[in-house]
Amino acid sequence: MFLNSIHYIKEQAFPKSFCEDIIKSGEEKDITLAKIQDGNNLNRKSKVSWLEDNNIEKAITVVVNEANEKSGWNFLLREFEPLQYTIYNVRDHYNWHIDTHSKPYKNDLVRKLSFTICLNDDYTGGDFEICLPHPLSNKHKHFRFKKVFKQGTVIVFPSHLWHKVHPVTSGVRKVLVGWVVGKPFV
């Protein structure tokens, strides 16, 4: 699949109060050490809790649909998976990975778009990076966002793209991560 754009960033997509409400909701839930489906938990170090909130989803839907249209992806999207409130402390990270799975879910849906909403900006490190692989490794295209995204910024990208979160060097990085699913590509 050829993509004209591999990410969509919108600064100030969500107000401070929205971000603070998500932090409060995420902190009230059971926070656990993040796990990886394939079991290689050395690839990731962070803590998570899970949110299912229709009001949050409604607010995010507007931005995800805007990203889907303006980036020219035009994926047919159906629904959100539960939202992941993620906390990265100093030295926490998530090495290279993709968000898609090898098979559709039992409901025959697949992850199509992923997003990260920055809930705070009082940390350093934690750079987000996307890679567009190429058969020749010297032709990979890397997009490393070295500046700390300001609170309320969202980045949306196709779930099949490789991406990572570099280690946090000071403070605590708090984000809301999510995936939008739809019927498999045919």
N, C-alpha and C. Protein backbone atom coordinates (compact mmCIF):
# COMPACT_ATOMS: atom_id res chain seq x y z
N MET A 1 0.85 -1.17 0.00
CA MET A 1 0.00 0.00 0.00
C MET A 1 0.90 1.23 0.00
N PHE A 2 0.66 2.14 -0.93
CA PHE A 2 1.43 3.37 -0.99
C PHE A 2 0.71 4.44 -0.16
N LEU A 3 1.48 5.13 0.67
CA LEU A 3 0.91 6.19 1.50
C LEU A 3 1.58 7.52 1.16
N ASN A 4 0.80 8.52 0.82
CA ASN A 4 1.36 9.85 0.61
C ASN A 4 1.83 10.46 1.92
N SER A 5 1.15 10.13 2.99
CA SER A 5 1.48 10.65 4.31
C SER A 5 1.48 9.49 5.29
N ILE A 6 2.48 9.45 6.16
CA ILE A 6 2.50 8.34 7.12
C ILE A 6 2.09 8.77 8.53
N HIS A 7 1.82 10.05 8.72
CA HIS A 7 1.34 10.49 10.02
C HIS A 7 0.57 11.80 9.87
N TYR A 8 -0.24 12.06 10.86
CA TYR A 8 -1.01 13.29 10.93
C TYR A 8 -0.85 13.82 12.34
N ILE A 9 -0.39 15.04 12.47
CA ILE A 9 -0.21 15.66 13.78
C ILE A 9 -1.09 16.89 13.87
N LYS A 10 -1.78 16.99 14.99
CA LYS A 10 -2.58 18.19 15.24
C LYS A 10 -2.27 18.67 16.65
N GLU A 11 -1.67 19.86 16.72
CA GLU A 11 -1.39 20.45 18.02
C GLU A 11 -2.66 21.08 18.58
N GLN A 12 -2.77 21.10 19.88
CA GLN A 12 -3.92 21.66 20.57
C GLN A 12 -5.24 21.07 20.07
N ALA A 13 -5.20 19.78 19.76
CA ALA A 13 -6.42 19.10 19.31
C ALA A 13 -7.41 18.94 20.46
N PHE A 14 -6.87 18.89 21.69
CA PHE A 14 -7.71 18.68 22.86
C PHE A 14 -7.31 19.68 23.94
N PRO A 15 -8.29 20.25 24.65
CA PRO A 15 -7.98 21.24 25.68
C PRO A 15 -7.36 20.62 26.93
N LYS A 16 -6.75 21.46 27.72
CA LYS A 16 -6.09 21.05 28.96
C LYS A 16 -7.05 20.26 29.85
N SER A 17 -8.29 20.73 29.98
CA SER A 17 -9.26 20.06 30.85
C SER A 17 -9.54 18.62 30.39
N PHE A 18 -9.60 18.40 29.08
CA PHE A 18 -9.82 17.06 28.51
C PHE A 18 -8.67 16.16 28.92
N CYS A 19 -7.43 16.66 28.76
CA CYS A 19 -6.24 15.88 29.09
C CYS A 19 -6.19 15.56 30.58
N GLU A 20 -6.48 16.56 31.40
CA GLU A 20 -6.46 16.35 32.85
C GLU A 20 -7.53 15.36 33.30
N ASP A 21 -8.71 15.38 32.66
CA ASP A 21 -9.77 14.42 32.99
C ASP A 21 -9.34 12.99 32.65
N ILE A 22 -8.64 12.83 31.52
CA ILE A 22 -8.16 11.50 31.14
C ILE A 22 -7.12 11.01 32.14
N ILE A 23 -6.20 11.90 32.53
CA ILE A 23 -5.20 11.51 33.53
C ILE A 23 -5.89 11.06 34.81
N LYS A 24 -6.87 11.83 35.26
CA LYS A 24 -7.61 11.48 36.48
C LYS A 24 -8.28 10.12 36.33
N SER A 25 -8.97 9.91 35.20
CA SER A 25 -9.65 8.62 34.97
C SER A 25 -8.65 7.48 34.90
N GLY A 26 -7.54 7.69 34.20
CA GLY A 26 -6.52 6.65 34.06
C GLY A 26 -5.89 6.28 35.38
N GLU A 27 -5.67 7.30 36.24
CA GLU A 27 -5.05 7.06 37.55
C GLU A 27 -6.01 6.36 38.51
N GLU A 28 -7.31 6.51 38.29
CA GLU A 28 -8.30 5.86 39.16
C GLU A 28 -8.47 4.38 38.85
N LYS A 29 -8.04 3.97 37.67
CA LYS A 29 -8.17 2.57 37.26
C LYS A 29 -7.01 1.74 37.81
N ASP A 30 -7.09 0.45 37.62
CA ASP A 30 -6.03 -0.47 38.03
C ASP A 30 -4.84 -0.31 37.08
N ILE A 31 -3.74 0.24 37.57
CA ILE A 31 -2.54 0.46 36.75
C ILE A 31 -1.62 -0.74 36.89
N THR A 32 -1.25 -1.31 35.74
CA THR A 32 -0.40 -2.50 35.75
C THR A 32 0.79 -2.30 34.82
N LEU A 33 1.77 -3.18 34.98
CA LEU A 33 2.92 -3.17 34.09
C LEU A 33 2.45 -3.57 32.70
N ALA A 34 2.85 -2.81 31.69
CA ALA A 34 2.42 -3.10 30.31
C ALA A 34 3.00 -4.43 29.85
N LYS A 35 2.22 -5.18 29.13
CA LYS A 35 2.63 -6.48 28.57
C LYS A 35 2.60 -6.40 27.05
N ILE A 36 3.34 -7.32 26.44
CA ILE A 36 3.36 -7.43 24.98
C ILE A 36 2.78 -8.78 24.61
N GLN A 37 1.94 -8.78 23.58
CA GLN A 37 1.23 -10.00 23.19
C GLN A 37 2.16 -11.16 22.90
N ASP A 38 3.31 -10.91 22.24
CA ASP A 38 4.22 -12.02 21.90
C ASP A 38 5.10 -12.45 23.06
N GLY A 39 4.98 -11.76 24.20
CA GLY A 39 5.71 -12.16 25.39
C GLY A 39 7.09 -11.55 25.55
N ASN A 40 7.60 -10.81 24.56
CA ASN A 40 8.92 -10.20 24.66
C ASN A 40 8.81 -8.88 25.43
N ASN A 41 8.65 -8.98 26.73
CA ASN A 41 8.41 -7.79 27.53
C ASN A 41 9.65 -6.92 27.74
N LEU A 42 10.82 -7.35 27.27
CA LEU A 42 12.01 -6.49 27.32
C LEU A 42 11.89 -5.35 26.31
N ASN A 43 11.03 -5.53 25.33
CA ASN A 43 10.83 -4.53 24.28
C ASN A 43 10.08 -3.30 24.79
N ARG A 44 9.45 -3.45 25.97
CA ARG A 44 8.59 -2.38 26.46
C ARG A 44 8.71 -2.26 27.97
N LYS A 45 8.74 -1.01 28.43
CA LYS A 45 8.68 -0.75 29.87
C LYS A 45 7.81 0.48 30.07
N SER A 46 6.63 0.27 30.62
CA SER A 46 5.70 1.34 30.94
C SER A 46 4.59 0.74 31.78
N LYS A 47 3.69 1.59 32.25
CA LYS A 47 2.52 1.13 33.01
C LYS A 47 1.28 1.60 32.29
N VAL A 48 0.20 0.82 32.41
CA VAL A 48 -1.03 1.14 31.69
C VAL A 48 -2.27 0.90 32.55
N SER A 49 -3.33 1.57 32.17
CA SER A 49 -4.67 1.24 32.62
C SER A 49 -5.58 1.38 31.40
N TRP A 50 -6.78 0.86 31.51
CA TRP A 50 -7.67 0.80 30.34
C TRP A 50 -8.93 1.60 30.59
N LEU A 51 -9.35 2.36 29.57
CA LEU A 51 -10.53 3.21 29.66
C LEU A 51 -11.52 2.85 28.56
N GLU A 52 -12.77 2.76 28.94
CA GLU A 52 -13.85 2.64 27.96
C GLU A 52 -14.84 3.74 28.29
N ASP A 53 -14.83 4.79 27.47
CA ASP A 53 -15.63 5.97 27.76
C ASP A 53 -16.14 6.54 26.44
N ASN A 54 -17.45 6.49 26.25
CA ASN A 54 -18.05 6.96 24.99
C ASN A 54 -17.81 8.45 24.75
N ASN A 55 -17.78 9.26 25.80
CA ASN A 55 -17.55 10.70 25.61
C ASN A 55 -16.14 10.97 25.10
N ILE A 56 -15.16 10.25 25.64
CA ILE A 56 -13.78 10.41 25.16
C ILE A 56 -13.71 9.96 23.70
N GLU A 57 -14.31 8.82 23.40
CA GLU A 57 -14.30 8.30 22.02
C GLU A 57 -14.94 9.28 21.05
N LYS A 58 -16.05 9.89 21.44
CA LYS A 58 -16.72 10.86 20.56
C LYS A 58 -15.80 12.03 20.23
N ALA A 59 -15.10 12.55 21.23
CA ALA A 59 -14.19 13.67 21.01
C ALA A 59 -13.04 13.26 20.09
N ILE A 60 -12.52 12.07 20.28
CA ILE A 60 -11.39 11.60 19.48
C ILE A 60 -11.82 11.27 18.06
N THR A 61 -13.05 10.79 17.89
CA THR A 61 -13.55 10.43 16.56
C THR A 61 -13.43 11.58 15.58
N VAL A 62 -13.73 12.78 16.01
CA VAL A 62 -13.66 13.94 15.14
C VAL A 62 -12.25 14.11 14.58
N VAL A 63 -11.25 14.01 15.45
CA VAL A 63 -9.86 14.20 15.03
C VAL A 63 -9.37 13.03 14.19
N VAL A 64 -9.73 11.81 14.56
CA VAL A 64 -9.31 10.64 13.78
C VAL A 64 -9.91 10.70 12.37
N ASN A 65 -11.17 11.06 12.27
CA ASN A 65 -11.80 11.17 10.94
C ASN A 65 -11.14 12.27 10.11
N GLU A 66 -10.79 13.38 10.75
CA GLU A 66 -10.09 14.46 10.08
C GLU A 66 -8.73 13.97 9.56
N ALA A 67 -8.00 13.25 10.40
CA ALA A 67 -6.69 12.71 10.01
C ALA A 67 -6.84 11.73 8.85
N ASN A 68 -7.82 10.87 8.93
CA ASN A 68 -8.06 9.85 7.90
C ASN A 68 -8.34 10.51 6.55
N GLU A 69 -9.11 11.59 6.56
CA GLU A 69 -9.46 12.28 5.32
C GLU A 69 -8.30 13.14 4.81
N LYS A 70 -7.75 14.01 5.68
CA LYS A 70 -6.71 14.94 5.24
C LYS A 70 -5.43 14.24 4.83
N SER A 71 -5.15 13.08 5.39
CA SER A 71 -3.93 12.34 5.03
C SER A 71 -4.13 11.49 3.78
N GLY A 72 -5.37 11.41 3.30
CA GLY A 72 -5.65 10.65 2.10
C GLY A 72 -5.70 9.15 2.30
N TRP A 73 -5.77 8.71 3.55
CA TRP A 73 -5.85 7.26 3.80
C TRP A 73 -7.24 6.76 3.43
N ASN A 74 -8.26 7.46 3.88
CA ASN A 74 -9.65 7.11 3.59
C ASN A 74 -9.99 5.66 3.93
N PHE A 75 -9.46 5.20 5.07
CA PHE A 75 -9.75 3.84 5.53
C PHE A 75 -11.20 3.78 6.01
N LEU A 76 -11.85 2.66 5.78
CA LEU A 76 -13.19 2.42 6.32
C LEU A 76 -13.01 1.99 7.77
N LEU A 77 -13.49 2.81 8.68
CA LEU A 77 -13.30 2.58 10.11
C LEU A 77 -14.63 2.22 10.77
N ARG A 78 -14.55 1.37 11.78
CA ARG A 78 -15.79 0.94 12.44
C ARG A 78 -15.89 1.41 13.89
N GLU A 79 -14.87 1.09 14.72
CA GLU A 79 -15.00 1.38 16.15
C GLU A 79 -13.63 1.44 16.81
N PHE A 80 -13.65 1.91 18.06
CA PHE A 80 -12.43 1.96 18.87
C PHE A 80 -12.25 0.67 19.64
N GLU A 81 -11.01 0.32 19.89
CA GLU A 81 -10.71 -0.67 20.91
C GLU A 81 -10.68 0.09 22.23
N PRO A 82 -10.67 -0.62 23.38
CA PRO A 82 -10.51 0.12 24.64
C PRO A 82 -9.26 0.99 24.59
N LEU A 83 -9.35 2.15 25.21
CA LEU A 83 -8.26 3.13 25.19
C LEU A 83 -7.24 2.80 26.28
N GLN A 84 -5.98 3.04 25.97
CA GLN A 84 -4.90 2.70 26.90
C GLN A 84 -4.27 3.99 27.45
N TYR A 85 -4.42 4.19 28.74
CA TYR A 85 -3.73 5.27 29.42
C TYR A 85 -2.34 4.73 29.76
N THR A 86 -1.29 5.39 29.27
CA THR A 86 0.07 4.86 29.42
C THR A 86 0.95 5.87 30.14
N ILE A 87 1.73 5.35 31.08
CA ILE A 87 2.66 6.15 31.88
C ILE A 87 4.07 5.65 31.60
N TYR A 88 4.94 6.58 31.18
CA TYR A 88 6.35 6.29 30.97
C TYR A 88 7.16 7.07 32.01
N ASN A 89 7.77 6.36 32.94
CA ASN A 89 8.67 6.99 33.91
C ASN A 89 10.07 7.07 33.30
N VAL A 90 11.03 7.61 34.05
CA VAL A 90 12.40 7.72 33.57
C VAL A 90 12.92 6.34 33.16
N ARG A 91 13.53 6.26 32.00
CA ARG A 91 14.08 5.06 31.35
C ARG A 91 13.00 4.14 30.76
N ASP A 92 11.73 4.45 30.94
CA ASP A 92 10.69 3.65 30.30
C ASP A 92 10.70 3.94 28.81
N HIS A 93 10.26 2.97 28.02
CA HIS A 93 10.34 3.05 26.56
C HIS A 93 9.41 2.01 25.94
N TYR A 94 9.31 2.05 24.62
CA TYR A 94 8.65 0.99 23.86
C TYR A 94 9.40 0.90 22.54
N ASN A 95 10.20 -0.15 22.38
CA ASN A 95 11.06 -0.29 21.22
C ASN A 95 10.23 -0.54 19.95
N TRP A 96 10.88 -0.70 18.81
CA TRP A 96 10.21 -0.84 17.51
C TRP A 96 9.12 -1.91 17.56
N HIS A 97 7.95 -1.55 17.06
CA HIS A 97 6.82 -2.47 16.99
C HIS A 97 5.78 -1.93 16.01
N ILE A 98 4.86 -2.80 15.65
CA ILE A 98 3.69 -2.40 14.88
C ILE A 98 2.46 -2.73 15.72
N ASP A 99 1.35 -2.10 15.43
CA ASP A 99 0.15 -2.30 16.24
C ASP A 99 -0.81 -3.33 15.65
N THR A 100 -0.52 -3.82 14.46
CA THR A 100 -1.42 -4.80 13.85
C THR A 100 -1.07 -6.21 14.33
N HIS A 101 -2.01 -7.10 14.13
CA HIS A 101 -1.83 -8.51 14.52
C HIS A 101 -1.82 -9.37 13.25
N SER A 102 -1.38 -10.59 13.37
CA SER A 102 -1.27 -11.46 12.20
C SER A 102 -2.62 -11.91 11.66
N LYS A 103 -3.63 -11.91 12.50
CA LYS A 103 -4.97 -12.34 12.07
C LYS A 103 -6.01 -11.34 12.58
N PRO A 104 -7.16 -11.26 11.88
CA PRO A 104 -8.24 -10.41 12.38
C PRO A 104 -8.75 -10.92 13.73
N TYR A 105 -9.41 -10.04 14.47
CA TYR A 105 -10.06 -10.44 15.71
C TYR A 105 -11.22 -11.39 15.40
N LYS A 106 -11.82 -11.94 16.44
CA LYS A 106 -12.95 -12.87 16.26
C LYS A 106 -14.12 -12.21 15.53
N ASN A 107 -14.24 -10.88 15.64
CA ASN A 107 -15.32 -10.16 14.95
C ASN A 107 -14.92 -9.77 13.53
N ASP A 108 -13.79 -10.29 13.05
CA ASP A 108 -13.27 -10.08 11.70
C ASP A 108 -12.81 -8.65 11.45
N LEU A 109 -12.44 -7.92 12.51
CA LEU A 109 -11.93 -6.57 12.35
C LEU A 109 -10.43 -6.55 12.58
N VAL A 110 -9.76 -5.54 11.99
CA VAL A 110 -8.32 -5.37 12.15
C VAL A 110 -8.03 -3.92 12.56
N ARG A 111 -6.90 -3.73 13.19
CA ARG A 111 -6.47 -2.37 13.52
C ARG A 111 -6.07 -1.66 12.24
N LYS A 112 -6.60 -0.46 12.05
CA LYS A 112 -6.29 0.32 10.86
C LYS A 112 -5.55 1.61 11.19
N LEU A 113 -6.01 2.33 12.20
CA LEU A 113 -5.32 3.56 12.60
C LEU A 113 -4.98 3.50 14.08
N SER A 114 -3.81 4.01 14.41
CA SER A 114 -3.36 4.15 15.79
C SER A 114 -3.21 5.63 16.09
N PHE A 115 -3.32 5.99 17.36
CA PHE A 115 -3.11 7.38 17.74
C PHE A 115 -2.53 7.47 19.14
N THR A 116 -1.85 8.57 19.37
CA THR A 116 -1.32 8.91 20.68
C THR A 116 -1.69 10.35 20.98
N ILE A 117 -2.30 10.57 22.13
CA ILE A 117 -2.63 11.92 22.57
C ILE A 117 -1.72 12.25 23.76
N CYS A 118 -1.00 13.34 23.65
CA CYS A 118 -0.10 13.78 24.71
C CYS A 118 -0.92 14.46 25.81
N LEU A 119 -0.86 13.90 26.99
CA LEU A 119 -1.67 14.42 28.09
C LEU A 119 -0.92 15.40 28.97
N ASN A 120 0.42 15.38 28.88
CA ASN A 120 1.24 16.33 29.64
C ASN A 120 2.51 16.62 28.84
N ASP A 121 3.24 17.64 29.25
CA ASP A 121 4.46 17.96 28.52
C ASP A 121 5.60 18.34 29.47
N ASP A 122 5.51 17.91 30.71
CA ASP A 122 6.56 18.23 31.68
C ASP A 122 7.51 17.04 31.87
N TYR A 123 8.14 16.63 30.77
CA TYR A 123 9.11 15.55 30.76
C TYR A 123 10.10 15.82 29.64
N THR A 124 11.21 15.09 29.64
CA THR A 124 12.15 15.15 28.52
C THR A 124 12.40 13.73 28.03
N GLY A 125 12.91 13.64 26.80
CA GLY A 125 13.06 12.32 26.19
C GLY A 125 11.70 11.84 25.75
N GLY A 126 11.54 10.51 25.64
CA GLY A 126 10.26 9.96 25.23
C GLY A 126 9.90 10.32 23.81
N ASP A 127 10.93 10.58 22.96
CA ASP A 127 10.67 10.95 21.56
C ASP A 127 9.88 9.84 20.87
N PHE A 128 8.95 10.24 20.05
CA PHE A 128 8.16 9.30 19.25
C PHE A 128 8.81 9.23 17.87
N GLU A 129 8.92 8.02 17.32
CA GLU A 129 9.55 7.84 16.01
C GLU A 129 8.76 6.84 15.18
N ILE A 130 8.61 7.16 13.90
CA ILE A 130 7.95 6.27 12.93
C ILE A 130 8.97 5.95 11.84
N CYS A 131 8.90 4.72 11.34
CA CYS A 131 9.80 4.32 10.26
C CYS A 131 8.98 3.74 9.12
N LEU A 132 9.28 4.20 7.92
CA LEU A 132 8.69 3.62 6.72
C LEU A 132 9.75 2.69 6.14
N PRO A 133 9.59 1.39 6.36
CA PRO A 133 10.63 0.45 5.92
C PRO A 133 10.80 0.40 4.40
N HIS A 134 12.00 0.09 4.00
CA HIS A 134 12.37 -0.09 2.60
C HIS A 134 13.23 -1.34 2.54
N PRO A 135 13.18 -2.12 1.48
CA PRO A 135 14.00 -3.33 1.41
C PRO A 135 15.50 -3.06 1.62
N LEU A 136 15.96 -1.89 1.24
CA LEU A 136 17.34 -1.52 1.49
C LEU A 136 17.37 -0.67 2.76
N SER A 137 18.03 -1.18 3.78
CA SER A 137 17.96 -0.52 5.09
C SER A 137 18.43 0.93 5.05
N ASN A 138 19.34 1.27 4.13
CA ASN A 138 19.79 2.66 4.07
C ASN A 138 18.77 3.59 3.43
N LYS A 139 17.64 3.03 2.98
CA LYS A 139 16.59 3.86 2.38
C LYS A 139 15.34 3.94 3.26
N HIS A 140 15.42 3.39 4.49
CA HIS A 140 14.31 3.56 5.42
C HIS A 140 14.09 5.06 5.64
N LYS A 141 12.86 5.45 5.82
CA LYS A 141 12.55 6.84 6.14
C LYS A 141 12.13 6.90 7.61
N HIS A 142 12.92 7.62 8.39
CA HIS A 142 12.64 7.77 9.82
C HIS A 142 12.12 9.16 10.09
N PHE A 143 11.09 9.23 10.91
CA PHE A 143 10.52 10.50 11.34
C PHE A 143 10.55 10.49 12.86
N ARG A 144 11.59 11.11 13.42
CA ARG A 144 11.72 11.17 14.88
C ARG A 144 11.32 12.56 15.33
N PHE A 145 10.33 12.60 16.19
CA PHE A 145 9.80 13.87 16.68
C PHE A 145 10.52 14.18 17.99
N LYS A 146 11.60 14.97 17.88
CA LYS A 146 12.46 15.21 19.03
C LYS A 146 11.90 16.23 20.00
N LYS A 147 11.06 17.12 19.51
CA LYS A 147 10.48 18.08 20.45
C LYS A 147 9.37 17.38 21.23
N VAL A 148 9.24 17.77 22.47
CA VAL A 148 8.15 17.23 23.27
C VAL A 148 6.85 17.80 22.73
N PHE A 149 5.93 16.92 22.41
CA PHE A 149 4.63 17.39 21.97
C PHE A 149 3.95 18.09 23.14
N LYS A 150 3.32 19.20 22.86
CA LYS A 150 2.62 19.93 23.90
C LYS A 150 1.34 19.19 24.30
N GLN A 151 0.90 19.44 25.49
CA GLN A 151 -0.32 18.83 26.00
C GLN A 151 -1.45 19.06 25.00
N GLY A 152 -2.22 18.01 24.70
CA GLY A 152 -3.35 18.12 23.78
C GLY A 152 -3.02 17.80 22.34
N THR A 153 -1.73 17.58 22.03
CA THR A 153 -1.34 17.22 20.67
C THR A 153 -1.66 15.76 20.41
N VAL A 154 -2.10 15.46 19.20
CA VAL A 154 -2.38 14.08 18.80
C VAL A 154 -1.56 13.74 17.56
N ILE A 155 -1.08 12.51 17.50
CA ILE A 155 -0.46 11.99 16.29
C ILE A 155 -1.25 10.74 15.91
N VAL A 156 -1.67 10.68 14.64
CA VAL A 156 -2.44 9.56 14.11
C VAL A 156 -1.62 8.96 12.98
N PHE A 157 -1.60 7.62 12.87
CA PHE A 157 -0.82 6.96 11.83
C PHE A 157 -1.39 5.58 11.56
N PRO A 158 -1.16 5.04 10.36
CA PRO A 158 -1.63 3.68 10.06
C PRO A 158 -0.98 2.66 10.99
N SER A 159 -1.78 1.76 11.50
CA SER A 159 -1.34 0.81 12.52
C SER A 159 -0.26 -0.15 12.06
N HIS A 160 -0.10 -0.33 10.75
CA HIS A 160 0.89 -1.29 10.26
C HIS A 160 2.30 -0.70 10.16
N LEU A 161 2.47 0.57 10.51
CA LEU A 161 3.79 1.19 10.43
C LEU A 161 4.61 0.95 11.70
N TRP A 162 5.91 0.73 11.50
CA TRP A 162 6.82 0.55 12.63
C TRP A 162 6.98 1.88 13.36
N HIS A 163 6.97 1.82 14.69
CA HIS A 163 7.13 3.01 15.50
C HIS A 163 7.69 2.64 16.87
N LYS A 164 8.16 3.65 17.58
CA LYS A 164 8.73 3.41 18.90
C LYS A 164 8.63 4.66 19.76
N VAL A 165 8.83 4.47 21.07
CA VAL A 165 8.95 5.57 22.02
C VAL A 165 10.32 5.43 22.65
N HIS A 166 11.16 6.44 22.46
CA HIS A 166 12.50 6.43 23.04
C HIS A 166 12.40 6.60 24.56
N PRO A 167 13.44 6.20 25.29
CA PRO A 167 13.39 6.31 26.76
C PRO A 167 13.15 7.74 27.24
N VAL A 168 12.35 7.85 28.28
CA VAL A 168 12.13 9.12 28.95
C VAL A 168 13.37 9.41 29.78
N THR A 169 13.86 10.65 29.75
CA THR A 169 15.08 11.00 30.49
C THR A 169 14.80 11.78 31.78
N SER A 170 13.67 12.45 31.87
CA SER A 170 13.27 13.09 33.13
C SER A 170 11.76 13.32 33.11
N GLY A 171 11.18 13.35 34.30
CA GLY A 171 9.74 13.55 34.41
C GLY A 171 8.97 12.28 34.09
N VAL A 172 7.70 12.43 33.83
CA VAL A 172 6.80 11.31 33.52
C VAL A 172 5.99 11.67 32.30
N ARG A 173 6.06 10.82 31.28
CA ARG A 173 5.29 11.02 30.04
C ARG A 173 3.96 10.29 30.19
N LYS A 174 2.84 11.02 30.01
CA LYS A 174 1.51 10.44 30.12
C LYS A 174 0.79 10.64 28.79
N VAL A 175 0.27 9.54 28.25
CA VAL A 175 -0.40 9.59 26.95
C VAL A 175 -1.65 8.72 26.97
N LEU A 176 -2.53 9.01 26.05
CA LEU A 176 -3.66 8.13 25.78
C LEU A 176 -3.40 7.53 24.41
N VAL A 177 -3.37 6.21 24.35
CA VAL A 177 -3.08 5.49 23.11
C VAL A 177 -4.35 4.75 22.71
N GLY A 178 -4.59 4.70 21.41
CA GLY A 178 -5.77 3.99 20.95
C GLY A 178 -5.64 3.48 19.54
N TRP A 179 -6.58 2.62 19.18
CA TRP A 179 -6.60 1.98 17.87
C TRP A 179 -8.04 1.99 17.36
N VAL A 180 -8.17 2.26 16.07
CA VAL A 180 -9.48 2.23 15.43
C VAL A 180 -9.46 1.06 14.46
N VAL A 181 -10.49 0.24 14.54
CA VAL A 181 -10.54 -0.98 13.74
C VAL A 181 -11.59 -0.89 12.65
N GLY A 182 -11.45 -1.76 11.67
CA GLY A 182 -12.40 -1.86 10.58
C GLY A 182 -12.24 -3.20 9.89
N LYS A 183 -13.01 -3.43 8.86
CA LYS A 183 -12.90 -4.67 8.09
C LYS A 183 -11.52 -4.76 7.45
N PRO A 184 -11.00 -5.98 7.26
CA PRO A 184 -9.67 -6.13 6.65
C PRO A 184 -9.60 -5.47 5.27
N PHE A 185 -8.39 -5.04 4.92
CA PHE A 185 -8.16 -4.49 3.60
C PHE A 185 -8.32 -5.61 2.57
N VAL A 186 -8.98 -5.31 1.46
CA VAL A 186 -9.16 -6.34 0.42
C VAL A 186 -8.74 -5.77 -0.93
